[in-house]
Amino acid sequence: MCRNITTLRGLEPAATDEEITAAALQFVRKVTGVTKVSDATRDPVERATEEIADIVTRLLDELPERRQPPKTVPPLRRAEVQARIAQRIKEREEHERMHELGIAHSH
């Protein structure tokens, strides 16, 4: 889990809903210590993430513009992060396909 939450104010182009939600989830994971969402934690974590994302969206809309853009690039804008996400999606789809076809595999 990341130790720092990326600054979203002042990004060009502006922070996306996906980036705001990712930052909210990162915050929720950090303050709760929940590193992996389970059936027992899913509902409260998702609810808190949604509420925090809504608050952050309003906050970013209400704050004045920054004079300087943030010094760091948000993770979702980094090529290496996008590549990892794409790889995970591909692996998940392949895994689900194996289930659908009844092909034996490991978990």
Protein backbone atom coordinates (compact mmCIF):
# COMPACT_ATOMS: atom_id res chain seq x y z
CA MET A 1 0.00 0.00 0.00
CA CYS A 2 1.31 3.45 -0.87
CA ARG A 3 2.35 5.71 1.97
CA ASN A 4 1.46 8.93 0.19
CA ILE A 5 -1.74 10.13 -1.36
CA THR A 6 -1.07 12.04 -4.57
CA THR A 7 -2.02 15.70 -4.86
CA LEU A 8 -4.93 16.04 -7.27
CA ARG A 9 -5.50 19.79 -7.11
CA GLY A 10 -4.01 21.70 -10.02
CA LEU A 11 -3.60 18.80 -12.44
CA GLU A 12 -3.80 19.51 -16.16
CA PRO A 13 -6.11 18.10 -17.31
CA ALA A 14 -8.11 18.15 -14.08
CA ALA A 15 -8.31 15.05 -11.89
CA THR A 16 -10.71 12.46 -13.24
CA ASP A 17 -13.42 10.69 -11.25
CA GLU A 18 -11.29 7.54 -11.45
CA GLU A 19 -8.26 9.35 -9.95
CA ILE A 20 -10.38 10.86 -7.18
CA THR A 21 -11.92 7.47 -6.35
CA ALA A 22 -8.47 5.83 -6.34
CA ALA A 23 -7.18 8.47 -3.89
CA ALA A 24 -10.28 8.02 -1.71
CA LEU A 25 -9.80 4.24 -1.66
CA GLN A 26 -6.12 4.70 -0.81
CA PHE A 27 -7.12 6.95 2.10
CA VAL A 28 -9.73 4.46 3.35
CA ARG A 29 -7.25 1.58 3.17
CA LYS A 30 -4.63 3.60 5.02
CA VAL A 31 -6.83 4.73 7.91
CA THR A 32 -8.54 1.33 8.33
CA GLY A 33 -5.57 -0.95 7.74
CA VAL A 34 -7.66 -2.91 5.22
CA THR A 35 -5.17 -3.81 2.49
CA LYS A 36 -7.36 -6.31 0.68
CA VAL A 37 -11.14 -5.95 0.55
CA SER A 38 -13.01 -9.07 1.69
CA ASP A 39 -16.70 -9.93 1.85
CA ALA A 40 -16.73 -8.68 5.45
CA THR A 41 -15.17 -5.30 4.61
CA ARG A 42 -16.49 -4.69 1.08
CA ASP A 43 -19.68 -2.72 1.88
CA PRO A 44 -18.24 -0.33 4.48
CA VAL A 45 -15.06 0.26 2.43
CA GLU A 46 -17.01 0.93 -0.78
CA ARG A 47 -19.46 3.22 1.03
CA ALA A 48 -16.67 5.21 2.72
CA THR A 49 -14.71 5.44 -0.54
CA GLU A 50 -17.76 6.80 -2.37
CA GLU A 51 -18.49 9.36 0.36
CA ILE A 52 -14.88 10.53 0.50
CA ALA A 53 -14.68 10.76 -3.30
CA ASP A 54 -17.80 12.95 -3.29
CA ILE A 55 -16.29 15.20 -0.61
CA VAL A 56 -12.98 15.47 -2.48
CA THR A 57 -14.76 16.29 -5.75
CA ARG A 58 -16.66 19.14 -4.06
CA LEU A 59 -13.52 20.33 -2.32
CA LEU A 60 -11.49 20.44 -5.54
CA ASP A 61 -14.33 22.33 -7.24
CA GLU A 62 -14.48 24.92 -4.44
CA LEU A 63 -10.75 25.60 -4.01
CA PRO A 64 -9.02 28.31 -6.04
CA GLU A 65 -6.68 27.21 -8.82
CA ARG A 66 -3.10 26.46 -7.93
CA ARG A 67 -0.28 28.70 -9.14
CA GLN A 68 1.93 25.68 -9.78
CA PRO A 69 0.94 22.16 -10.82
CA PRO A 70 1.68 19.33 -8.36
CA LYS A 71 5.27 18.06 -8.39
CA THR A 72 4.26 14.41 -8.70
CA VAL A 73 2.27 12.64 -11.38
CA PRO A 74 -0.75 10.70 -10.08
CA PRO A 75 -0.30 6.93 -10.35
CA LEU A 76 -3.14 6.48 -12.84
CA ARG A 77 -1.30 8.81 -15.24
CA ARG A 78 1.94 6.80 -15.13
CA ALA A 79 2.61 4.40 -17.99
CA GLU A 80 4.01 1.66 -15.75
CA VAL A 81 0.88 1.72 -13.56
CA GLN A 82 -1.40 1.59 -16.61
CA ALA A 83 0.61 -1.41 -17.88
CA ARG A 84 0.20 -3.23 -14.53
CA ILE A 85 -3.54 -2.52 -14.52
CA ALA A 86 -3.90 -3.79 -18.09
CA GLN A 87 -1.95 -6.96 -17.20
CA ARG A 88 -4.17 -7.62 -14.15
CA ILE A 89 -7.31 -7.16 -16.24
CA LYS A 90 -5.96 -9.53 -18.89
CA GLU A 91 -5.07 -12.17 -16.28
CA ARG A 92 -8.47 -11.82 -14.58
CA GLU A 93 -10.30 -12.20 -17.91
CA GLU A 94 -8.21 -15.25 -18.79
CA HIS A 95 -8.90 -16.76 -15.36
CA GLU A 96 -12.66 -16.20 -15.74
CA ARG A 97 -12.53 -17.71 -19.23
CA MET A 98 -10.89 -20.85 -17.82
CA HIS A 99 -13.73 -21.12 -15.30
CA GLU A 100 -16.33 -20.73 -18.04
CA LEU A 101 -14.68 -23.41 -20.15
CA GLY A 102 -14.19 -25.75 -17.17
CA ILE A 103 -10.43 -25.86 -17.64
CA ALA A 104 -8.51 -27.03 -14.57
CA HIS A 105 -6.16 -24.40 -13.19
CA SER A 106 -4.62 -23.20 -9.92
CA HIS A 107 -5.74 -20.28 -7.77
